[in-house]
All heavy atoms as atom14 arrays in JSON, in Angstrom:
{
  "sequence": "IGDLNPRRRRALGVRYVPEDRAGHGAVVELTLTENSL",
  "atom14_mask": [
    [1, 1, 1, 1, 1, 1, 1, 1, 0, 0, 0, 0, 0, 0],
    [1, 1, 1, 1, 0, 0, 0, 0, 0, 0, 0, 0, 0, 0],
    [1, 1, 1, 1, 1, 1, 1, 1, 0, 0, 0, 0, 0, 0],
    [1, 1, 1, 1, 1, 1, 1, 1, 0, 0, 0, 0, 0, 0],
    [1, 1, 1, 1, 1, 1, 1, 1, 0, 0, 0, 0, 0, 0],
    [1, 1, 1, 1, 1, 1, 1, 0, 0, 0, 0, 0, 0, 0],
    [1, 1, 1, 1, 1, 1, 1, 1, 1, 1, 1, 0, 0, 0],
    [1, 1, 1, 1, 1, 1, 1, 1, 1, 1, 1, 0, 0, 0],
    [1, 1, 1, 1, 1, 1, 1, 1, 1, 1, 1, 0, 0, 0],
    [1, 1, 1, 1, 1, 1, 1, 1, 1, 1, 1, 0, 0, 0],
    [1, 1, 1, 1, 1, 0, 0, 0, 0, 0, 0, 0, 0, 0],
    [1, 1, 1, 1, 1, 1, 1, 1, 0, 0, 0, 0, 0, 0],
    [1, 1, 1, 1, 0, 0, 0, 0, 0, 0, 0, 0, 0, 0],
    [1, 1, 1, 1, 1, 1, 1, 0, 0, 0, 0, 0, 0, 0],
    [1, 1, 1, 1, 1, 1, 1, 1, 1, 1, 1, 0, 0, 0],
    [1, 1, 1, 1, 1, 1, 1, 1, 1, 1, 1, 1, 0, 0],
    [1, 1, 1, 1, 1, 1, 1, 0, 0, 0, 0, 0, 0, 0],
    [1, 1, 1, 1, 1, 1, 1, 0, 0, 0, 0, 0, 0, 0],
    [1, 1, 1, 1, 1, 1, 1, 1, 1, 0, 0, 0, 0, 0],
    [1, 1, 1, 1, 1, 1, 1, 1, 0, 0, 0, 0, 0, 0],
    [1, 1, 1, 1, 1, 1, 1, 1, 1, 1, 1, 0, 0, 0],
    [1, 1, 1, 1, 1, 0, 0, 0, 0, 0, 0, 0, 0, 0],
    [1, 1, 1, 1, 0, 0, 0, 0, 0, 0, 0, 0, 0, 0],
    [1, 1, 1, 1, 1, 1, 1, 1, 1, 1, 0, 0, 0, 0],
    [1, 1, 1, 1, 0, 0, 0, 0, 0, 0, 0, 0, 0, 0],
    [1, 1, 1, 1, 1, 0, 0, 0, 0, 0, 0, 0, 0, 0],
    [1, 1, 1, 1, 1, 1, 1, 0, 0, 0, 0, 0, 0, 0],
    [1, 1, 1, 1, 1, 1, 1, 0, 0, 0, 0, 0, 0, 0],
    [1, 1, 1, 1, 1, 1, 1, 1, 1, 0, 0, 0, 0, 0],
    [1, 1, 1, 1, 1, 1, 1, 1, 0, 0, 0, 0, 0, 0],
    [1, 1, 1, 1, 1, 1, 1, 0, 0, 0, 0, 0, 0, 0],
    [1, 1, 1, 1, 1, 1, 1, 1, 0, 0, 0, 0, 0, 0],
    [1, 1, 1, 1, 1, 1, 1, 0, 0, 0, 0, 0, 0, 0],
    [1, 1, 1, 1, 1, 1, 1, 1, 1, 0, 0, 0, 0, 0],
    [1, 1, 1, 1, 1, 1, 1, 1, 0, 0, 0, 0, 0, 0],
    [1, 1, 1, 1, 1, 1, 0, 0, 0, 0, 0, 0, 0, 0],
    [1, 1, 1, 1, 1, 1, 1, 1, 0, 0, 0, 0, 0, 0]
  ],
  "atom14_positions": [
    [[-133.25, 78.98, -88.44], [-132.12, 78.42, -87.68], [-130.82, 79.16, -87.99], [-129.75, 78.75, -87.57], [-131.92, 76.92, -87.98], [-131.57, 76.7, -89.46], [-133.15, 76.1, -87.58], [-131.1, 75.29, -89.78], [0.0, 0.0, 0.0], [0.0, 0.0, 0.0], [0.0, 0.0, 0.0], [0.0, 0.0, 0.0], [0.0, 0.0, 0.0], [0.0, 0.0, 0.0]],
    [[-130.92, 80.29, -88.73], [-129.71, 80.99, -89.16], [-128.85, 81.47, -88.02], [-127.64, 81.65, -88.19], [0.0, 0.0, 0.0], [0.0, 0.0, 0.0], [0.0, 0.0, 0.0], [0.0, 0.0, 0.0], [0.0, 0.0, 0.0], [0.0, 0.0, 0.0], [0.0, 0.0, 0.0], [0.0, 0.0, 0.0], [0.0, 0.0, 0.0], [0.0, 0.0, 0.0]],
    [[-129.43, 81.69, -86.83], [-128.66, 82.2, -85.69], [-128.22, 81.1, -84.74], [-127.63, 81.38, -83.69], [-129.49, 83.24, -84.92], [-130.79, 82.66, -84.38], [-131.24, 81.61, -84.9], [-131.36, 83.25, -83.45], [0.0, 0.0, 0.0], [0.0, 0.0, 0.0], [0.0, 0.0, 0.0], [0.0, 0.0, 0.0], [0.0, 0.0, 0.0], [0.0, 0.0, 0.0]],
    [[-128.48, 79.83, -85.08], [-128.1, 78.72, -84.2], [-126.67, 78.28, -84.47], [-126.2, 78.28, -85.62], [-129.04, 77.53, -84.4], [-130.53, 77.77, -84.13], [-131.29, 76.47, -84.26], [-130.74, 78.4, -82.76], [0.0, 0.0, 0.0], [0.0, 0.0, 0.0], [0.0, 0.0, 0.0], [0.0, 0.0, 0.0], [0.0, 0.0, 0.0], [0.0, 0.0, 0.0]],
    [[-125.98, 77.86, -83.4], [-124.61, 77.37, -83.55], [-124.62, 75.91, -84.03], [-125.68, 75.27, -84.1], [-123.84, 77.52, -82.24], [-124.46, 76.72, -81.09], [-125.09, 75.68, -81.3], [-124.3, 77.2, -79.87], [0.0, 0.0, 0.0], [0.0, 0.0, 0.0], [0.0, 0.0, 0.0], [0.0, 0.0, 0.0], [0.0, 0.0, 0.0], [0.0, 0.0, 0.0]],
    [[-123.45, 75.35, -84.39], [-123.43, 73.97, -84.92], [-124.05, 72.95, -83.97], [-124.74, 72.03, -84.42], [-121.94, 73.71, -85.13], [-121.35, 75.06, -85.39], [-122.11, 75.99, -84.49], [0.0, 0.0, 0.0], [0.0, 0.0, 0.0], [0.0, 0.0, 0.0], [0.0, 0.0, 0.0], [0.0, 0.0, 0.0], [0.0, 0.0, 0.0], [0.0, 0.0, 0.0]],
    [[-123.81, 73.07, -82.67], [-124.34, 72.08, -81.72], [-125.86, 72.06, -81.76], [-126.48, 70.99, -81.78], [-123.83, 72.39, -80.31], [-124.33, 71.4, -79.25], [-123.82, 71.77, -77.88], [-124.31, 73.08, -77.47], [-125.51, 73.3, -76.95], [-126.36, 72.29, -76.79], [-125.88, 74.51, -76.59], [0.0, 0.0, 0.0], [0.0, 0.0, 0.0], [0.0, 0.0, 0.0]],
    [[-126.47, 73.23, -81.77], [-127.94, 73.29, -81.76], [-128.51, 72.83, -83.11], [-129.58, 72.23, -83.17], [-128.39, 74.7, -81.42], [-128.0, 75.12, -80.0], [-128.46, 76.53, -79.68], [-129.92, 76.61, -79.63], [-130.57, 77.76, -79.48], [-129.91, 78.9, -79.39], [-131.9, 77.77, -79.44], [0.0, 0.0, 0.0], [0.0, 0.0, 0.0], [0.0, 0.0, 0.0]],
    [[-127.8, 73.1, -84.19], [-128.28, 72.62, -85.49], [-128.18, 71.1, -85.57], [-129.05, 70.44, -86.13], [-127.48, 73.27, -86.63], [-127.74, 74.76, -86.76], [-127.17, 75.34, -88.04], [-127.09, 76.8, -87.95], [-126.8, 77.6, -88.95], [-126.54, 77.09, -90.16], [-126.73, 78.91, -88.78], [0.0, 0.0, 0.0], [0.0, 0.0, 0.0], [0.0, 0.0, 0.0]],
    [[-127.1, 70.55, -85.01], [-126.96, 69.09, -85.01], [-128.09, 68.44, -84.22], [-128.59, 67.39, -84.59], [-125.61, 68.68, -84.41], [-124.43, 69.02, -85.3], [-123.11, 68.65, -84.61], [-122.99, 67.21, -84.45], [-122.52, 66.39, -85.38], [-122.14, 66.86, -86.55], [-122.43, 65.09, -85.15], [0.0, 0.0, 0.0], [0.0, 0.0, 0.0], [0.0, 0.0, 0.0]],
    [[-128.5, 69.09, -83.13], [-129.59, 68.54, -82.33], [-130.9, 68.5, -83.11], [-131.77, 67.66, -82.83], [-129.76, 69.38, -81.06], [0.0, 0.0, 0.0], [0.0, 0.0, 0.0], [0.0, 0.0, 0.0], [0.0, 0.0, 0.0], [0.0, 0.0, 0.0], [0.0, 0.0, 0.0], [0.0, 0.0, 0.0], [0.0, 0.0, 0.0], [0.0, 0.0, 0.0]],
    [[-131.02, 69.38, -84.1], [-132.21, 69.4, -84.95], [-132.08, 68.48, -86.17], [-133.01, 68.36, -86.96], [-132.49, 70.83, -85.42], [-132.89, 71.83, -84.33], [-132.98, 73.24, -84.92], [-134.21, 71.43, -83.69], [0.0, 0.0, 0.0], [0.0, 0.0, 0.0], [0.0, 0.0, 0.0], [0.0, 0.0, 0.0], [0.0, 0.0, 0.0], [0.0, 0.0, 0.0]],
    [[-130.9, 67.88, -86.34], [-130.71, 66.93, -87.43], [-129.94, 67.46, -88.62], [-129.92, 66.82, -89.68], [0.0, 0.0, 0.0], [0.0, 0.0, 0.0], [0.0, 0.0, 0.0], [0.0, 0.0, 0.0], [0.0, 0.0, 0.0], [0.0, 0.0, 0.0], [0.0, 0.0, 0.0], [0.0, 0.0, 0.0], [0.0, 0.0, 0.0], [0.0, 0.0, 0.0]],
    [[-129.28, 68.63, -88.48], [-128.46, 69.18, -89.57], [-127.0, 68.84, -89.28], [-126.41, 69.33, -88.31], [-128.63, 70.71, -89.69], [-127.77, 71.25, -90.82], [-130.09, 71.06, -89.93], [0.0, 0.0, 0.0], [0.0, 0.0, 0.0], [0.0, 0.0, 0.0], [0.0, 0.0, 0.0], [0.0, 0.0, 0.0], [0.0, 0.0, 0.0], [0.0, 0.0, 0.0]],
    [[-126.43, 68.0, -90.13], [-125.04, 67.55, -89.91], [-124.15, 67.98, -91.07], [-124.62, 68.21, -92.18], [-125.0, 66.02, -89.75], [-125.61, 65.55, -88.44], [-125.66, 64.04, -88.37], [-126.05, 63.6, -87.04], [-125.2, 63.15, -86.13], [-123.9, 63.09, -86.39], [-125.62, 62.77, -84.94], [0.0, 0.0, 0.0], [0.0, 0.0, 0.0], [0.0, 0.0, 0.0]],
    [[-122.84, 68.05, -90.77], [-121.89, 68.63, -91.72], [-120.6, 67.82, -91.72], [-120.06, 67.48, -90.66], [-121.62, 70.08, -91.32], [-120.52, 70.78, -92.08], [-120.51, 70.82, -93.47], [-119.5, 71.44, -91.4], [-119.5, 71.48, -94.16], [-118.5, 72.11, -92.08], [-118.5, 72.13, -93.46], [-117.51, 72.78, -94.14], [0.0, 0.0, 0.0], [0.0, 0.0, 0.0]],
    [[-120.09, 67.52, -92.93], [-118.78, 66.89, -93.1], [-117.88, 67.91, -93.79], [-118.08, 68.23, -94.97], [-118.87, 65.61, -93.96], [-117.48, 65.03, -94.18], [-119.78, 64.59, -93.31], [0.0, 0.0, 0.0], [0.0, 0.0, 0.0], [0.0, 0.0, 0.0], [0.0, 0.0, 0.0], [0.0, 0.0, 0.0], [0.0, 0.0, 0.0], [0.0, 0.0, 0.0]],
    [[-116.89, 68.49, -93.09], [-116.04, 69.51, -93.7], [-115.03, 68.9, -94.65], [-114.75, 67.7, -94.61], [-115.34, 70.15, -92.5], [-115.3, 69.06, -91.48], [-116.55, 68.24, -91.68], [0.0, 0.0, 0.0], [0.0, 0.0, 0.0], [0.0, 0.0, 0.0], [0.0, 0.0, 0.0], [0.0, 0.0, 0.0], [0.0, 0.0, 0.0], [0.0, 0.0, 0.0]],
    [[-114.46, 69.74, -95.53], [-113.47, 69.25, -96.49], [-112.16, 68.9, -95.8], [-111.44, 68.0, -96.24], [-113.23, 70.28, -97.59], [-112.58, 71.58, -97.14], [-112.12, 72.45, -98.3], [-112.1, 71.97, -99.45], [-111.78, 73.61, -98.05], [0.0, 0.0, 0.0], [0.0, 0.0, 0.0], [0.0, 0.0, 0.0], [0.0, 0.0, 0.0], [0.0, 0.0, 0.0]],
    [[-111.81, 69.6, -94.72], [-110.54, 69.38, -94.03], [-110.78, 68.36, -92.92], [-111.31, 68.67, -91.87], [-110.03, 70.7, -93.44], [-108.65, 70.57, -92.83], [-108.06, 69.48, -92.95], [-108.17, 71.55, -92.24], [0.0, 0.0, 0.0], [0.0, 0.0, 0.0], [0.0, 0.0, 0.0], [0.0, 0.0, 0.0], [0.0, 0.0, 0.0], [0.0, 0.0, 0.0]],
    [[-110.38, 67.11, -93.19], [-110.71, 66.04, -92.25], [-109.8, 66.06, -91.02], [-110.23, 65.71, -89.92], [-110.6, 64.68, -92.95], [-109.28, 64.43, -93.64], [-109.39, 63.25, -94.59], [-108.22, 63.08, -95.43], [-108.28, 62.71, -96.69], [-109.43, 62.47, -97.27], [-107.18, 62.57, -97.41], [0.0, 0.0, 0.0], [0.0, 0.0, 0.0], [0.0, 0.0, 0.0]],
    [[-108.54, 66.44, -91.16], [-107.59, 66.43, -90.04], [-107.57, 67.8, -89.39], [-107.0, 68.74, -89.93], [-106.2, 66.04, -90.52], [0.0, 0.0, 0.0], [0.0, 0.0, 0.0], [0.0, 0.0, 0.0], [0.0, 0.0, 0.0], [0.0, 0.0, 0.0], [0.0, 0.0, 0.0], [0.0, 0.0, 0.0], [0.0, 0.0, 0.0], [0.0, 0.0, 0.0]],
    [[-108.19, 67.92, -88.22], [-108.22, 69.18, -87.53], [-109.6, 69.8, -87.51], [-109.99, 70.41, -86.51], [0.0, 0.0, 0.0], [0.0, 0.0, 0.0], [0.0, 0.0, 0.0], [0.0, 0.0, 0.0], [0.0, 0.0, 0.0], [0.0, 0.0, 0.0], [0.0, 0.0, 0.0], [0.0, 0.0, 0.0], [0.0, 0.0, 0.0], [0.0, 0.0, 0.0]],
    [[-110.35, 69.67, -88.59], [-111.7, 70.22, -88.65], [-112.73, 69.09, -88.49], [-113.65, 69.2, -87.68], [-111.9, 70.96, -89.97], [-113.11, 71.85, -89.98], [-113.47, 72.61, -91.08], [-114.05, 72.1, -89.05], [-114.56, 73.3, -90.81], [-114.94, 73.0, -89.58], [0.0, 0.0, 0.0], [0.0, 0.0, 0.0], [0.0, 0.0, 0.0], [0.0, 0.0, 0.0]],
    [[-112.57, 68.04, -89.26], [-113.5, 66.92, -89.17], [-113.19, 65.97, -88.03], [-114.07, 65.25, -87.55], [0.0, 0.0, 0.0], [0.0, 0.0, 0.0], [0.0, 0.0, 0.0], [0.0, 0.0, 0.0], [0.0, 0.0, 0.0], [0.0, 0.0, 0.0], [0.0, 0.0, 0.0], [0.0, 0.0, 0.0], [0.0, 0.0, 0.0], [0.0, 0.0, 0.0]],
    [[-111.94, 65.96, -87.56], [-111.54, 65.07, -86.48], [-110.34, 65.66, -85.76], [-109.58, 66.45, -86.33], [-111.18, 63.68, -87.02], [0.0, 0.0, 0.0], [0.0, 0.0, 0.0], [0.0, 0.0, 0.0], [0.0, 0.0, 0.0], [0.0, 0.0, 0.0], [0.0, 0.0, 0.0], [0.0, 0.0, 0.0], [0.0, 0.0, 0.0], [0.0, 0.0, 0.0]],
    [[-110.17, 65.27, -84.49], [-108.96, 65.61, -83.73], [-108.07, 64.38, -83.81], [-108.35, 63.36, -83.18], [-109.3, 65.97, -82.27], [-108.02, 66.33, -81.51], [-110.29, 67.12, -82.22], [0.0, 0.0, 0.0], [0.0, 0.0, 0.0], [0.0, 0.0, 0.0], [0.0, 0.0, 0.0], [0.0, 0.0, 0.0], [0.0, 0.0, 0.0], [0.0, 0.0, 0.0]],
    [[-107.0, 64.46, -84.59], [-106.25, 63.24, -84.91], [-105.51, 62.69, -83.7], [-105.14, 61.51, -83.68], [-105.28, 63.5, -86.08], [-106.04, 63.81, -87.36], [-104.29, 64.62, -85.76], [0.0, 0.0, 0.0], [0.0, 0.0, 0.0], [0.0, 0.0, 0.0], [0.0, 0.0, 0.0], [0.0, 0.0, 0.0], [0.0, 0.0, 0.0], [0.0, 0.0, 0.0]],
    [[-105.26, 63.52, -82.69], [-104.57, 63.02, -81.51], [-105.47, 62.16, -80.62], [-104.98, 61.43, -79.76], [-104.02, 64.2, -80.67], [-102.93, 65.0, -81.35], [-103.45, 66.03, -82.31], [-104.7, 66.21, -82.37], [-102.65, 66.67, -83.01], [0.0, 0.0, 0.0], [0.0, 0.0, 0.0], [0.0, 0.0, 0.0], [0.0, 0.0, 0.0], [0.0, 0.0, 0.0]],
    [[-106.78, 62.23, -80.83], [-107.73, 61.47, -80.02], [-108.11, 60.16, -80.7], [-107.92, 60.0, -81.91], [-108.99, 62.3, -79.77], [-108.8, 63.64, -79.03], [-110.14, 64.32, -78.82], [-108.07, 63.44, -77.7], [0.0, 0.0, 0.0], [0.0, 0.0, 0.0], [0.0, 0.0, 0.0], [0.0, 0.0, 0.0], [0.0, 0.0, 0.0], [0.0, 0.0, 0.0]],
    [[-108.68, 59.26, -79.94], [-109.12, 57.98, -80.49], [-110.42, 58.16, -81.27], [-111.08, 59.2, -81.18], [-109.36, 56.96, -79.37], [-110.48, 57.39, -78.6], [-108.12, 56.81, -78.48], [0.0, 0.0, 0.0], [0.0, 0.0, 0.0], [0.0, 0.0, 0.0], [0.0, 0.0, 0.0], [0.0, 0.0, 0.0], [0.0, 0.0, 0.0], [0.0, 0.0, 0.0]],
    [[-110.8, 57.12, -82.0], [-112.06, 57.16, -82.73], [-113.25, 57.23, -81.78], [-114.25, 57.89, -82.08], [-112.17, 55.95, -83.65], [-111.05, 55.81, -84.69], [-111.3, 54.61, -85.59], [-110.92, 57.08, -85.53], [0.0, 0.0, 0.0], [0.0, 0.0, 0.0], [0.0, 0.0, 0.0], [0.0, 0.0, 0.0], [0.0, 0.0, 0.0], [0.0, 0.0, 0.0]],
    [[-113.15, 56.58, -80.63], [-114.21, 56.7, -79.62], [-114.32, 58.15, -79.14], [-115.41, 58.71, -79.05], [-113.92, 55.78, -78.42], [-114.0, 54.42, -78.84], [-114.92, 56.02, -77.3], [0.0, 0.0, 0.0], [0.0, 0.0, 0.0], [0.0, 0.0, 0.0], [0.0, 0.0, 0.0], [0.0, 0.0, 0.0], [0.0, 0.0, 0.0], [0.0, 0.0, 0.0]],
    [[-113.2, 58.76, -78.83], [-113.21, 60.14, -78.34], [-113.7, 61.11, -79.41], [-114.4, 62.09, -79.1], [-111.81, 60.52, -77.85], [-111.41, 59.78, -76.58], [-109.93, 59.86, -76.29], [-109.14, 60.11, -77.23], [-109.55, 59.66, -75.13], [0.0, 0.0, 0.0], [0.0, 0.0, 0.0], [0.0, 0.0, 0.0], [0.0, 0.0, 0.0], [0.0, 0.0, 0.0]],
    [[-113.37, 60.83, -80.67], [-113.89, 61.67, -81.74], [-115.4, 61.53, -81.88], [-116.09, 62.48, -82.25], [-113.19, 61.33, -83.06], [-111.94, 62.15, -83.28], [-111.99, 63.31, -83.64], [-110.78, 61.52, -83.03], [0.0, 0.0, 0.0], [0.0, 0.0, 0.0], [0.0, 0.0, 0.0], [0.0, 0.0, 0.0], [0.0, 0.0, 0.0], [0.0, 0.0, 0.0]],
    [[-115.92, 60.35, -81.56], [-117.37, 60.17, -81.56], [-118.01, 60.93, -80.4], [-119.08, 61.53, -80.55], [-117.74, 58.69, -81.47], [-117.22, 57.98, -82.59], [0.0, 0.0, 0.0], [0.0, 0.0, 0.0], [0.0, 0.0, 0.0], [0.0, 0.0, 0.0], [0.0, 0.0, 0.0], [0.0, 0.0, 0.0], [0.0, 0.0, 0.0], [0.0, 0.0, 0.0]],
    [[-117.35, 60.94, -79.25], [-117.85, 61.68, -78.1], [-117.98, 63.17, -78.39], [-118.92, 63.83, -77.94], [-116.92, 61.49, -76.9], [-117.04, 60.19, -76.1], [-115.88, 60.06, -75.13], [-118.36, 60.15, -75.36], [0.0, 0.0, 0.0], [0.0, 0.0, 0.0], [0.0, 0.0, 0.0], [0.0, 0.0, 0.0], [0.0, 0.0, 0.0], [0.0, 0.0, 0.0]]
  ]
}
């Protein structure tokens, strides 16, 4: 899976929580629902 992008890896069950929560882990201008979308 080394050549797969994050979306395709997530579809296979590989998930990632980055250290930078504001901007990388979430878009702070959006709602929590939109961040889930």
